[in-house]
């Protein structure tokens, strides 16, 4: 039987929304095994002097539950 869990995480980048997503997944994968899917929930940014200064993402990550470790 396959069991999945979904968690919502937030991340940021000074480069782009894409980079924020990639960096957030990379950071989450350091402590969460078996990541399988990502869903972008929201994208926002802060603006300074008429330009975007930081990009923020809310993403939902899906990962498989490892029954062998139970």
N, C-alpha and C. Protein backbone atom coordinates (compact mmCIF):
# COMPACT_ATOMS: atom_id res chain seq x y z
N UNK A 1 0.84 -1.17 0.00
CA UNK A 1 0.00 0.00 0.00
C UNK A 1 0.90 1.25 0.00
N UNK A 2 0.51 2.22 -0.78
CA UNK A 2 1.24 3.48 -0.85
C UNK A 2 0.48 4.54 -0.07
N UNK A 3 1.20 5.25 0.80
CA UNK A 3 0.60 6.33 1.57
C UNK A 3 1.42 7.59 1.32
N UNK A 4 0.73 8.69 1.04
CA UNK A 4 1.39 9.96 0.81
C UNK A 4 1.00 10.96 1.89
N UNK A 5 1.91 11.87 2.15
CA UNK A 5 1.63 12.95 3.09
C UNK A 5 1.89 14.26 2.35
N UNK A 6 1.11 15.29 2.68
CA UNK A 6 1.25 16.62 2.08
C UNK A 6 1.57 17.62 3.17
N UNK A 7 2.56 18.46 2.91
CA UNK A 7 2.87 19.54 3.84
C UNK A 7 3.00 20.84 3.06
N UNK A 8 2.69 21.93 3.72
CA UNK A 8 2.80 23.24 3.10
C UNK A 8 4.01 23.96 3.68
N UNK A 9 4.87 24.46 2.81
CA UNK A 9 6.08 25.15 3.25
C UNK A 9 6.21 26.48 2.50
N UNK A 10 6.98 27.39 3.09
CA UNK A 10 7.22 28.70 2.48
C UNK A 10 8.71 28.87 2.28
N UNK A 11 9.06 29.58 1.22
CA UNK A 11 10.47 29.85 0.94
C UNK A 11 10.61 31.17 0.21
N UNK A 12 11.87 31.59 0.04
CA UNK A 12 12.11 32.87 -0.62
C UNK A 12 13.42 32.84 -1.40
N UNK A 13 13.57 33.84 -2.26
CA UNK A 13 14.78 34.00 -3.06
C UNK A 13 14.90 35.47 -3.45
N UNK A 14 16.12 35.91 -3.64
CA UNK A 14 16.36 37.26 -4.16
C UNK A 14 16.45 37.27 -5.68
N UNK A 15 16.35 36.08 -6.29
CA UNK A 15 16.56 35.96 -7.74
C UNK A 15 15.26 35.89 -8.52
N UNK A 16 14.38 34.91 -8.17
CA UNK A 16 13.14 34.71 -8.93
C UNK A 16 12.21 33.79 -8.16
N UNK A 17 10.95 33.69 -8.64
CA UNK A 17 10.01 32.74 -8.04
C UNK A 17 10.48 31.31 -8.31
N UNK A 18 10.97 31.06 -9.52
CA UNK A 18 11.46 29.73 -9.85
C UNK A 18 12.59 29.34 -8.89
N UNK A 19 13.52 30.25 -8.65
CA UNK A 19 14.62 29.96 -7.74
C UNK A 19 14.11 29.73 -6.32
N UNK A 20 13.10 30.48 -5.92
CA UNK A 20 12.51 30.28 -4.59
C UNK A 20 11.93 28.87 -4.47
N UNK A 21 11.26 28.40 -5.51
CA UNK A 21 10.70 27.04 -5.51
C UNK A 21 11.82 26.01 -5.44
N UNK A 22 12.82 26.16 -6.29
CA UNK A 22 13.93 25.20 -6.34
C UNK A 22 14.67 25.16 -5.01
N UNK A 23 14.95 26.32 -4.44
CA UNK A 23 15.69 26.38 -3.18
C UNK A 23 14.87 25.81 -2.01
N UNK A 24 13.57 26.07 -2.02
CA UNK A 24 12.71 25.54 -0.96
C UNK A 24 12.63 24.02 -1.02
N UNK A 25 12.52 23.48 -2.22
CA UNK A 25 12.51 22.02 -2.37
C UNK A 25 13.85 21.44 -1.93
N UNK A 26 14.95 22.06 -2.33
CA UNK A 26 16.28 21.58 -1.95
C UNK A 26 16.45 21.57 -0.44
N UNK A 27 15.99 22.62 0.21
CA UNK A 27 16.10 22.70 1.67
C UNK A 27 15.22 21.65 2.35
N UNK A 28 13.99 21.49 1.87
CA UNK A 28 13.09 20.49 2.45
C UNK A 28 13.61 19.08 2.26
N UNK A 29 14.26 18.83 1.13
CA UNK A 29 14.76 17.47 0.85
C UNK A 29 15.90 17.07 1.78
N UNK A 30 16.48 18.01 2.50
CA UNK A 30 17.53 17.69 3.46
C UNK A 30 16.97 16.91 4.66
N UNK A 31 15.70 17.11 4.96
CA UNK A 31 15.11 16.45 6.13
C UNK A 31 13.88 15.60 5.81
N UNK A 32 13.40 15.66 4.58
CA UNK A 32 12.22 14.88 4.18
C UNK A 32 12.62 13.95 3.05
N UNK A 33 12.43 12.67 3.26
CA UNK A 33 12.75 11.66 2.24
C UNK A 33 11.54 11.41 1.35
N UNK A 34 11.81 10.90 0.17
CA UNK A 34 10.79 10.42 -0.76
C UNK A 34 9.85 11.52 -1.27
N UNK A 35 10.37 12.74 -1.48
CA UNK A 35 9.56 13.78 -2.10
C UNK A 35 9.15 13.34 -3.49
N UNK A 36 7.88 13.58 -3.83
CA UNK A 36 7.39 13.09 -5.13
C UNK A 36 6.69 14.15 -5.96
N UNK A 37 6.11 15.19 -5.34
CA UNK A 37 5.37 16.20 -6.10
C UNK A 37 5.48 17.55 -5.41
N UNK A 38 5.27 18.59 -6.23
CA UNK A 38 5.20 19.95 -5.70
C UNK A 38 4.01 20.65 -6.36
N UNK A 39 3.30 21.43 -5.58
CA UNK A 39 2.19 22.24 -6.07
C UNK A 39 2.41 23.66 -5.58
N UNK A 40 2.45 24.61 -6.51
CA UNK A 40 2.63 26.01 -6.13
C UNK A 40 1.27 26.55 -5.69
N UNK A 41 1.21 27.00 -4.44
CA UNK A 41 -0.03 27.52 -3.88
C UNK A 41 -0.13 29.03 -4.08
N UNK A 42 0.97 29.74 -3.83
CA UNK A 42 0.93 31.21 -3.91
C UNK A 42 2.32 31.74 -4.20
N UNK A 43 2.37 32.89 -4.87
CA UNK A 43 3.61 33.59 -5.14
C UNK A 43 3.40 35.06 -4.80
N UNK A 44 4.30 35.61 -4.00
CA UNK A 44 4.24 37.03 -3.66
C UNK A 44 5.65 37.60 -3.72
N UNK A 45 5.75 38.91 -3.59
CA UNK A 45 7.06 39.55 -3.62
C UNK A 45 7.01 40.86 -2.85
N UNK A 46 8.18 41.29 -2.40
CA UNK A 46 8.29 42.63 -1.82
C UNK A 46 8.92 43.54 -2.87
N UNK A 47 8.52 44.80 -2.82
CA UNK A 47 9.00 45.78 -3.80
C UNK A 47 9.73 46.89 -3.05
N UNK A 48 10.92 47.22 -3.56
CA UNK A 48 11.69 48.34 -3.02
C UNK A 48 12.17 49.19 -4.20
N UNK A 49 11.97 50.47 -4.11
CA UNK A 49 12.39 51.41 -5.17
C UNK A 49 11.86 51.00 -6.54
N UNK A 50 10.62 50.52 -6.56
CA UNK A 50 9.98 50.18 -7.83
C UNK A 50 10.41 48.87 -8.44
N UNK A 51 11.21 48.07 -7.72
CA UNK A 51 11.68 46.78 -8.24
C UNK A 51 11.44 45.69 -7.20
N UNK A 52 11.27 44.47 -7.69
CA UNK A 52 11.09 43.34 -6.78
C UNK A 52 12.42 43.09 -6.07
N UNK A 53 12.36 43.03 -4.75
CA UNK A 53 13.58 42.81 -3.97
C UNK A 53 13.66 41.38 -3.40
N UNK A 54 12.49 40.75 -3.20
CA UNK A 54 12.49 39.37 -2.72
C UNK A 54 11.23 38.66 -3.19
N UNK A 55 11.41 37.42 -3.62
CA UNK A 55 10.32 36.59 -4.12
C UNK A 55 9.97 35.54 -3.07
N UNK A 56 8.68 35.35 -2.84
CA UNK A 56 8.21 34.38 -1.84
C UNK A 56 7.28 33.37 -2.50
N UNK A 57 7.36 32.12 -2.06
CA UNK A 57 6.46 31.08 -2.56
C UNK A 57 5.89 30.28 -1.39
N UNK A 58 4.64 29.89 -1.53
CA UNK A 58 4.00 28.90 -0.67
C UNK A 58 3.81 27.68 -1.56
N UNK A 59 4.37 26.56 -1.15
CA UNK A 59 4.24 25.34 -1.95
C UNK A 59 3.75 24.19 -1.07
N UNK A 60 3.09 23.25 -1.73
CA UNK A 60 2.69 22.02 -1.06
C UNK A 60 3.58 20.91 -1.59
N UNK A 61 4.25 20.22 -0.68
CA UNK A 61 5.11 19.10 -1.06
C UNK A 61 4.42 17.80 -0.69
N UNK A 62 4.55 16.82 -1.56
CA UNK A 62 4.01 15.49 -1.32
C UNK A 62 5.19 14.53 -1.19
N UNK A 63 5.09 13.66 -0.20
CA UNK A 63 6.12 12.63 -0.06
C UNK A 63 5.48 11.34 0.39
N UNK A 64 6.17 10.24 0.08
CA UNK A 64 5.69 8.91 0.44
C UNK A 64 6.10 8.58 1.86
N UNK A 65 5.22 7.90 2.57
CA UNK A 65 5.52 7.40 3.91
C UNK A 65 6.33 6.11 3.76
N UNK A 66 7.47 6.04 4.42
CA UNK A 66 8.33 4.85 4.37
C UNK A 66 7.90 3.89 5.46
N UNK A 67 7.20 2.84 5.09
CA UNK A 67 6.71 1.87 6.07
C UNK A 67 7.82 1.00 6.63
N UNK A 68 8.94 0.92 5.94
CA UNK A 68 10.03 0.06 6.43
C UNK A 68 10.70 0.62 7.67
N UNK A 69 10.52 1.92 7.93
CA UNK A 69 11.14 2.53 9.11
C UNK A 69 10.23 2.51 10.33
N UNK A 70 9.02 1.98 10.17
CA UNK A 70 8.07 1.94 11.29
C UNK A 70 8.31 0.72 12.13
